[in-house]
N, C-alpha and C. Protein backbone atom coordinates (compact mmCIF):
# COMPACT_ATOMS: atom_id res chain seq x y z
N MET A 1 -32.25 -4.56 -12.13
CA MET A 1 -33.40 -3.94 -12.75
C MET A 1 -34.82 -3.89 -11.74
N ILE A 2 -34.69 -5.29 -11.18
CA ILE A 2 -36.33 -5.39 -10.02
C ILE A 2 -35.52 -4.41 -8.91
N GLY A 3 -34.43 -4.17 -8.58
CA GLY A 3 -33.90 -3.26 -7.27
C GLY A 3 -34.22 -2.19 -7.76
N LEU A 4 -33.56 -1.50 -9.10
CA LEU A 4 -34.10 -0.27 -9.29
C LEU A 4 -35.75 0.12 -8.89
N MET A 5 -36.89 -0.81 -9.74
CA MET A 5 -38.00 -0.44 -9.67
C MET A 5 -38.31 -0.69 -8.25
N THR A 6 -37.48 -1.60 -7.38
CA THR A 6 -38.01 -1.31 -5.96
C THR A 6 -37.79 -0.23 -4.89
N LEU A 7 -36.48 0.44 -5.65
CA LEU A 7 -36.12 1.67 -4.90
C LEU A 7 -37.35 2.97 -5.40
N LEU A 8 -37.65 2.97 -6.78
CA LEU A 8 -38.10 3.82 -7.03
C LEU A 8 -39.36 3.92 -6.42
N LEU A 9 -40.13 2.47 -6.15
CA LEU A 9 -41.60 2.64 -5.63
C LEU A 9 -41.51 2.84 -4.22
N GLY A 10 -40.12 2.72 -3.36
CA GLY A 10 -40.26 3.04 -2.07
C GLY A 10 -40.13 4.79 -2.26
N ILE A 11 -39.60 5.46 -3.02
CA ILE A 11 -39.47 6.73 -3.18
C ILE A 11 -40.87 7.48 -3.53
N VAL A 12 -41.57 6.27 -4.17
CA VAL A 12 -43.01 7.33 -4.37
C VAL A 12 -43.54 6.84 -3.18
N SER A 13 -44.03 5.53 -2.52
CA SER A 13 -44.26 5.91 -1.43
C SER A 13 -44.26 6.13 0.35
N THR A 14 -42.79 7.21 0.11
CA THR A 14 -42.54 7.92 0.92
C THR A 14 -42.56 9.20 0.94
N VAL A 15 -43.37 9.96 0.05
CA VAL A 15 -43.48 11.28 -0.71
C VAL A 15 -44.39 11.99 0.09
N TYR A 16 -45.30 11.51 0.45
CA TYR A 16 -46.40 12.44 1.39
C TYR A 16 -46.67 11.21 2.98
N ALA A 17 -45.72 10.36 2.96
CA ALA A 17 -46.13 9.31 4.21
C ALA A 17 -45.53 10.02 5.32
N GLU A 18 -45.99 10.10 6.31
CA GLU A 18 -45.20 10.25 7.48
C GLU A 18 -45.55 9.26 8.77
N SER A 19 -44.73 8.28 8.56
CA SER A 19 -45.33 6.75 9.63
C SER A 19 -43.82 6.39 9.88
N ILE A 20 -43.89 5.30 11.02
CA ILE A 20 -42.83 4.87 11.09
C ILE A 20 -42.05 4.02 10.22
N PHE A 21 -42.72 3.67 9.43
CA PHE A 21 -42.48 2.84 8.21
C PHE A 21 -41.34 3.79 7.53
N VAL A 22 -41.84 5.12 6.96
CA VAL A 22 -40.96 6.11 6.20
C VAL A 22 -39.74 6.05 7.12
N TYR A 23 -40.11 5.96 8.24
CA TYR A 23 -38.79 7.06 9.01
C TYR A 23 -37.75 5.83 9.29
N SER A 24 -38.31 4.46 9.16
CA SER A 24 -37.47 3.58 9.67
C SER A 24 -36.58 3.23 8.16
N GLY A 25 -37.18 3.45 6.84
CA GLY A 25 -36.10 3.00 5.68
C GLY A 25 -36.76 1.66 5.03
N ILE A 26 -37.44 1.32 5.67
CA ILE A 26 -37.72 -0.10 5.24
C ILE A 26 -38.31 -0.14 3.66
N PRO A 27 -38.78 1.04 3.03
CA PRO A 27 -39.21 0.75 1.46
C PRO A 27 -37.86 0.93 0.56
N TYR A 28 -36.96 1.02 1.33
CA TYR A 28 -35.55 0.83 0.48
C TYR A 28 -34.67 -0.28 1.03
N TRP A 29 -35.03 -0.50 1.74
CA TRP A 29 -34.43 -2.58 2.35
C TRP A 29 -34.23 -3.02 1.26
N GLY A 30 -35.52 -3.46 0.57
CA GLY A 30 -36.01 -4.19 -0.66
C GLY A 30 -34.97 -4.43 -1.55
N SER A 31 -34.59 -3.12 -2.08
CA SER A 31 -33.76 -2.80 -3.17
C SER A 31 -32.28 -2.89 -2.66
N LEU A 32 -31.71 -2.93 -1.55
CA LEU A 32 -30.73 -2.80 -0.98
C LEU A 32 -30.71 -4.45 -1.43
N ILE A 33 -31.29 -5.34 -0.64
CA ILE A 33 -31.45 -6.84 -0.42
C ILE A 33 -31.15 -7.60 -2.32
N VAL A 34 -31.82 -6.97 -2.83
CA VAL A 34 -32.21 -7.27 -4.02
C VAL A 34 -30.76 -7.35 -4.79
N ASN A 35 -30.21 -5.88 -4.98
CA ASN A 35 -28.90 -5.57 -5.09
C ASN A 35 -27.69 -6.34 -4.53
N GLY A 36 -27.78 -6.69 -3.56
CA GLY A 36 -26.90 -7.44 -2.73
C GLY A 36 -26.77 -9.02 -3.32
N SER A 37 -27.84 -9.44 -3.39
CA SER A 37 -28.13 -11.01 -3.71
C SER A 37 -27.57 -10.66 -5.20
N LEU A 38 -28.24 -10.00 -6.11
CA LEU A 38 -27.29 -9.79 -7.16
C LEU A 38 -26.12 -9.85 -7.41
N VAL A 39 -25.20 -9.32 -6.63
CA VAL A 39 -23.59 -9.31 -6.33
C VAL A 39 -23.24 -10.68 -5.90
N MET A 40 -24.07 -10.90 -5.11
CA MET A 40 -23.31 -12.53 -4.63
C MET A 40 -23.37 -13.56 -5.54
N ASN A 41 -24.58 -13.30 -6.02
CA ASN A 41 -25.05 -14.09 -7.52
C ASN A 41 -23.86 -14.28 -8.57
N ILE A 42 -23.18 -13.05 -8.71
CA ILE A 42 -22.10 -12.75 -9.78
C ILE A 42 -20.87 -13.45 -9.13
N PHE A 43 -20.47 -13.14 -7.98
CA PHE A 43 -19.30 -13.46 -7.16
C PHE A 43 -19.35 -15.16 -7.15
N SER A 44 -20.69 -15.81 -7.06
CA SER A 44 -20.89 -16.89 -6.76
C SER A 44 -20.76 -17.72 -7.98
N ALA A 45 -21.08 -17.24 -9.39
CA ALA A 45 -21.15 -18.10 -10.69
C ALA A 45 -19.58 -17.99 -11.27
N LEU A 46 -18.49 -16.59 -10.74
CA LEU A 46 -17.30 -16.66 -10.81
C LEU A 46 -16.59 -17.49 -10.09
N THR A 47 -17.13 -17.85 -8.95
CA THR A 47 -16.12 -19.01 -8.20
C THR A 47 -16.39 -20.18 -8.83
N ALA A 48 -17.74 -20.79 -9.12
CA ALA A 48 -17.96 -21.70 -9.73
C ALA A 48 -17.02 -22.23 -10.83
N GLY A 49 -16.74 -20.96 -11.68
CA GLY A 49 -16.10 -21.14 -13.00
C GLY A 49 -14.71 -21.23 -12.67
N ILE A 50 -14.30 -20.42 -11.68
CA ILE A 50 -12.59 -20.69 -11.25
C ILE A 50 -12.65 -22.05 -11.14
N ALA A 51 -13.20 -22.85 -10.03
CA ALA A 51 -13.24 -24.01 -9.79
C ALA A 51 -13.21 -25.14 -10.43
N LEU A 52 -14.16 -24.81 -11.56
CA LEU A 52 -14.54 -25.69 -12.55
C LEU A 52 -13.25 -26.00 -13.57
N PHE A 53 -12.52 -24.46 -13.73
CA PHE A 53 -11.27 -24.79 -14.26
C PHE A 53 -10.27 -25.45 -14.05
N PHE A 54 -10.17 -24.83 -12.44
CA PHE A 54 -8.86 -25.69 -12.10
C PHE A 54 -8.81 -27.09 -12.11
N THR A 55 -10.55 -27.63 -11.50
CA THR A 55 -10.60 -29.13 -11.40
C THR A 55 -10.61 -29.87 -13.07
N SER A 56 -10.55 -29.15 -13.80
CA SER A 56 -10.45 -29.54 -15.08
C SER A 56 -8.83 -29.81 -15.64
N LEU A 57 -7.99 -28.59 -15.32
CA LEU A 57 -6.85 -28.53 -15.13
C LEU A 57 -6.32 -30.05 -14.39
N ASP A 58 -6.62 -30.10 -13.36
CA ASP A 58 -6.09 -30.96 -12.48
C ASP A 58 -6.56 -32.43 -13.03
N LEU A 59 -7.61 -32.24 -13.84
CA LEU A 59 -8.14 -33.73 -14.47
C LEU A 59 -7.32 -34.09 -15.70
N ALA A 60 -6.79 -33.06 -16.22
CA ALA A 60 -6.10 -33.45 -17.64
C ALA A 60 -4.75 -33.63 -17.14
N VAL A 61 -4.04 -32.92 -16.42
CA VAL A 61 -2.57 -32.96 -16.12
C VAL A 61 -2.16 -34.22 -15.03
N GLY A 62 -3.50 -34.44 -14.16
CA GLY A 62 -2.93 -35.31 -13.13
C GLY A 62 -2.53 -36.66 -13.62
N PRO A 63 -3.11 -37.29 -14.34
CA PRO A 63 -2.33 -38.61 -14.86
C PRO A 63 -1.15 -38.56 -15.63
N GLN A 64 -0.81 -37.54 -16.08
CA GLN A 64 0.72 -37.82 -16.23
C GLN A 64 1.85 -37.77 -15.22
N TYR A 65 1.41 -37.43 -14.11
CA TYR A 65 2.24 -37.66 -12.77
C TYR A 65 1.72 -38.40 -11.76
N PRO A 66 2.36 -39.93 -12.15
CA PRO A 66 1.45 -40.96 -11.19
C PRO A 66 1.98 -40.77 -9.66
N TYR A 67 0.86 -40.93 -8.76
CA TYR A 67 1.14 -41.41 -7.53
C TYR A 67 2.17 -42.24 -7.09
N ARG A 68 3.68 -41.85 -6.33
CA ARG A 68 4.54 -42.67 -5.82
C ARG A 68 4.88 -42.52 -4.45
N TYR A 69 5.09 -43.41 -4.16
CA TYR A 69 5.47 -43.08 -2.53
C TYR A 69 6.70 -44.10 -2.09
N CYS A 70 7.52 -43.67 -1.35
CA CYS A 70 8.94 -44.37 -1.53
C CYS A 70 9.52 -44.65 -0.02
N ASN A 71 9.62 -45.73 0.67
CA ASN A 71 10.37 -45.55 1.80
C ASN A 71 11.85 -46.04 1.54
N ASP A 72 12.30 -46.26 2.49
CA ASP A 72 13.78 -47.03 2.57
C ASP A 72 14.52 -47.54 1.19
N TYR A 73 13.54 -48.64 0.86
CA TYR A 73 14.09 -49.57 -0.21
C TYR A 73 13.32 -50.10 -0.79
N GLN A 74 11.84 -49.73 -0.61
CA GLN A 74 10.66 -50.27 -1.36
C GLN A 74 10.23 -48.77 -2.33
N CYS A 75 9.56 -48.98 -3.19
CA CYS A 75 8.80 -47.91 -3.81
C CYS A 75 7.15 -48.53 -4.39
N TYR A 76 6.04 -47.83 -4.14
CA TYR A 76 4.77 -48.39 -4.17
C TYR A 76 4.20 -47.16 -5.22
N GLY A 77 3.66 -47.81 -5.98
CA GLY A 77 2.52 -46.93 -7.07
C GLY A 77 2.78 -47.47 -8.35
N GLU A 78 2.52 -46.54 -9.47
CA GLU A 78 2.45 -46.92 -10.81
C GLU A 78 1.88 -47.85 -11.45
């Protein structure tokens, strides 16, 4: 919503203005940055949720398979 408002205010500020500010597109950069930030926040939240799921799964299943190290005649672990 903030990105949309920034875009609309950028359009309003460029209607009758003729300056380097308008020709460079600066009024629209803010909305692109806000929308890009929102997408990255969503991606970050999904990644964190998936990582939490796999970590919980590892903690739940991990104790069922104890660590063992065996060489020629000796086994260590358990």
